[in-house]
C-alpha atoms as a PDB file:
ATOM      1  CA  MET A   1       0.000   0.000   0.000  1.00  0.00           C
ATOM      2  CA  ALA A   2       1.130   3.558  -0.679  1.00  0.00           C
ATOM      3  CA  LYS A   3       2.602   5.757   2.033  1.00  0.00           C
ATOM      4  CA  ILE A   4       1.854   9.411   2.745  1.00  0.00           C
ATOM      5  CA  LYS A   5       3.966  11.920   4.700  1.00  0.00           C
ATOM      6  CA  ILE A   6       2.106  14.410   6.862  1.00  0.00           C
ATOM      7  CA  LYS A   7       3.623  17.475   8.549  1.00  0.00           C
ATOM      8  CA  GLN A   8       2.016  19.419  11.377  1.00  0.00           C
ATOM      9  CA  ILE A   9       2.004  23.133  10.557  1.00  0.00           C
ATOM     10  CA  GLY A  10      -0.466  24.425  13.161  1.00  0.00           C
ATOM     11  CA  SER A  11      -0.401  24.509  16.937  1.00  0.00           C
ATOM     12  CA  PRO A  12      -2.944  22.513  18.963  1.00  0.00           C
ATOM     13  CA  ILE A  13      -3.078  25.314  21.555  1.00  0.00           C
ATOM     14  CA  ARG A  14      -6.589  26.834  21.853  1.00  0.00           C
ATOM     15  CA  ARG A  15      -8.092  24.159  19.604  1.00  0.00           C
ATOM     16  CA  PRO A  16     -11.070  21.943  20.437  1.00  0.00           C
ATOM     17  CA  GLU A  17     -10.283  18.684  22.210  1.00  0.00           C
ATOM     18  CA  SER A  18     -11.554  16.679  19.231  1.00  0.00           C
ATOM     19  CA  GLN A  19      -8.924  18.281  16.957  1.00  0.00           C
ATOM     20  CA  LYS A  20      -6.170  17.530  19.490  1.00  0.00           C
ATOM     21  CA  LYS A  21      -7.252  13.878  19.587  1.00  0.00           C
ATOM     22  CA  ILE A  22      -7.161  13.635  15.787  1.00  0.00           C
ATOM     23  CA  LEU A  23      -3.591  14.973  15.819  1.00  0.00           C
ATOM     24  CA  ILE A  24      -2.556  12.419  18.433  1.00  0.00           C
ATOM     25  CA  GLY A  25      -4.239   9.677  16.410  1.00  0.00           C
ATOM     26  CA  LEU A  26      -2.154  10.680  13.394  1.00  0.00           C
ATOM     27  CA  GLY A  27       1.009  10.493  15.512  1.00  0.00           C
ATOM     28  CA  LEU A  28       1.487  14.253  15.650  1.00  0.00           C
ATOM     29  CA  GLY A  29       1.229  16.754  18.487  1.00  0.00           C
ATOM     30  CA  LYS A  30       4.263  19.045  18.194  1.00  0.00           C
ATOM     31  CA  MET A  31       4.952  21.661  15.548  1.00  0.00           C
ATOM     32  CA  ASN A  32       6.872  20.623  12.411  1.00  0.00           C
ATOM     33  CA  ARG A  33       6.724  16.913  13.242  1.00  0.00           C
ATOM     34  CA  VAL A  34       6.517  14.655  10.177  1.00  0.00           C
ATOM     35  CA  VAL A  35       5.016  11.146  10.165  1.00  0.00           C
ATOM     36  CA  GLU A  36       4.706   8.565   7.408  1.00  0.00           C
ATOM     37  CA  LEU A  37       1.419   6.639   7.381  1.00  0.00           C
ATOM     38  CA  GLU A  38      -0.426   4.244   5.096  1.00  0.00           C
ATOM     39  CA  ASP A  39      -2.550   6.108   2.552  1.00  0.00           C
ATOM     40  CA  THR A  40      -6.007   4.945   3.663  1.00  0.00           C
ATOM     41  CA  ALA A  41      -9.443   6.516   3.648  1.00  0.00           C
ATOM     42  CA  GLU A  42      -9.272   6.974   7.429  1.00  0.00           C
ATOM     43  CA  VAL A  43      -6.028   8.945   7.233  1.00  0.00           C
ATOM     44  CA  ARG A  44      -7.323  11.057   4.336  1.00  0.00           C
ATOM     45  CA  GLY A  45     -10.478  11.824   6.338  1.00  0.00           C
ATOM     46  CA  ALA A  46      -8.441  12.933   9.350  1.00  0.00           C
ATOM     47  CA  ILE A  47      -6.377  15.214   7.101  1.00  0.00           C
ATOM     48  CA  ARG A  48      -9.564  16.747   5.689  1.00  0.00           C
ATOM     49  CA  LYS A  49     -10.753  17.577   9.210  1.00  0.00           C
ATOM     50  CA  LEU A  50      -7.546  19.522   9.979  1.00  0.00           C
ATOM     51  CA  PRO A  51      -6.575  21.391   6.799  1.00  0.00           C
ATOM     52  CA  HIS A  52      -5.423  24.369   8.899  1.00  0.00           C
ATOM     53  CA  MET A  53      -3.072  22.217  11.027  1.00  0.00           C
ATOM     54  CA  VAL A  54      -1.553  19.545   8.765  1.00  0.00           C
ATOM     55  CA  GLN A  55       0.030  19.467   5.324  1.00  0.00           C
ATOM     56  CA  VAL A  56       0.748  16.554   2.994  1.00  0.00           C
ATOM     57  CA  VAL A  57       4.484  16.646   2.282  1.00  0.00           C
ATOM     58  CA  GLU A  58       4.758  13.688  -0.140  1.00  0.00           C
ATOM     59  CA  GLY A  59       2.454  11.135  -1.633  1.00  0.00           C
END
């Protein structure tokens, strides 16, 4: 399966708890952290919920 790299570009400070939990679920939580995950519908959906906080780097 294809991989996708995601970078956190927004701070979780003063964000709703649900958005913080999505970040943690993606393996993020600190600024400029990059994770590589499987390119699945679940991951794509999480990215769509946080367009102001995450950015797709590759994939």
